[in-house]
Amino acid sequence: MADLAIVFHWGPADMDPLPLSELMDWRERAITRWEQTHGK
C-alpha cells in the first residue's frame, strides 16, 4: 500500500490492523489527494 505510505505517511504498523476493504477506501482517498495536489 505504497499510496498510503506516500500520501498519508503511514507505515506498515499503521495499516496492518485495518481490513482490506478499509485499506482500499483509504487508497482511493490517497489517489484523490495526490491528484488534487500534483495534477492528474
Protein backbone atom coordinates (compact mmCIF):
# COMPACT_ATOMS: atom_id res chain seq x y z
CA MET A 1 0.00 0.00 0.00
CA ALA A 2 2.64 2.44 -1.09
CA ASP A 3 -0.04 5.00 -1.96
CA LEU A 4 -0.99 5.30 1.71
CA ALA A 5 2.62 5.40 2.84
CA ILE A 6 3.50 8.22 0.46
CA VAL A 7 0.38 10.38 0.82
CA PHE A 8 -0.50 9.88 4.48
CA HIS A 9 2.96 8.87 5.81
CA TRP A 10 1.58 5.62 7.21
CA GLY A 11 3.89 2.75 7.98
CA PRO A 12 3.09 -0.97 7.90
CA ALA A 13 2.18 -0.93 11.61
CA ASP A 14 -0.48 1.72 10.89
CA MET A 15 -2.04 -0.27 8.06
CA ASP A 16 -1.75 -3.80 9.46
CA PRO A 17 -4.82 -3.68 11.76
CA LEU A 18 -7.12 -2.37 9.01
CA PRO A 19 -9.27 -4.77 6.99
CA LEU A 20 -8.62 -4.90 3.26
CA SER A 21 -11.90 -3.13 2.44
CA GLU A 22 -10.92 -0.16 4.61
CA LEU A 23 -7.43 -0.06 3.13
CA MET A 24 -8.96 0.11 -0.33
CA ASP A 25 -11.19 3.02 0.77
CA TRP A 26 -8.16 4.84 2.13
CA ARG A 27 -6.26 4.09 -1.08
CA GLU A 28 -8.97 5.85 -3.10
CA ARG A 29 -8.67 8.86 -0.78
CA ALA A 30 -4.91 8.85 -1.22
CA ILE A 31 -5.24 8.82 -5.01
CA THR A 32 -7.73 11.69 -4.91
CA ARG A 33 -5.49 13.73 -2.63
CA TRP A 34 -2.43 13.07 -4.78
CA GLU A 35 -4.28 14.14 -7.93
CA GLN A 36 -5.51 17.33 -6.23
CA THR A 37 -2.03 18.37 -5.18
CA HIS A 38 0.04 17.06 -8.09
CA GLY A 39 -2.36 17.05 -11.00
CA LYS A 40 -3.64 14.06 -12.85
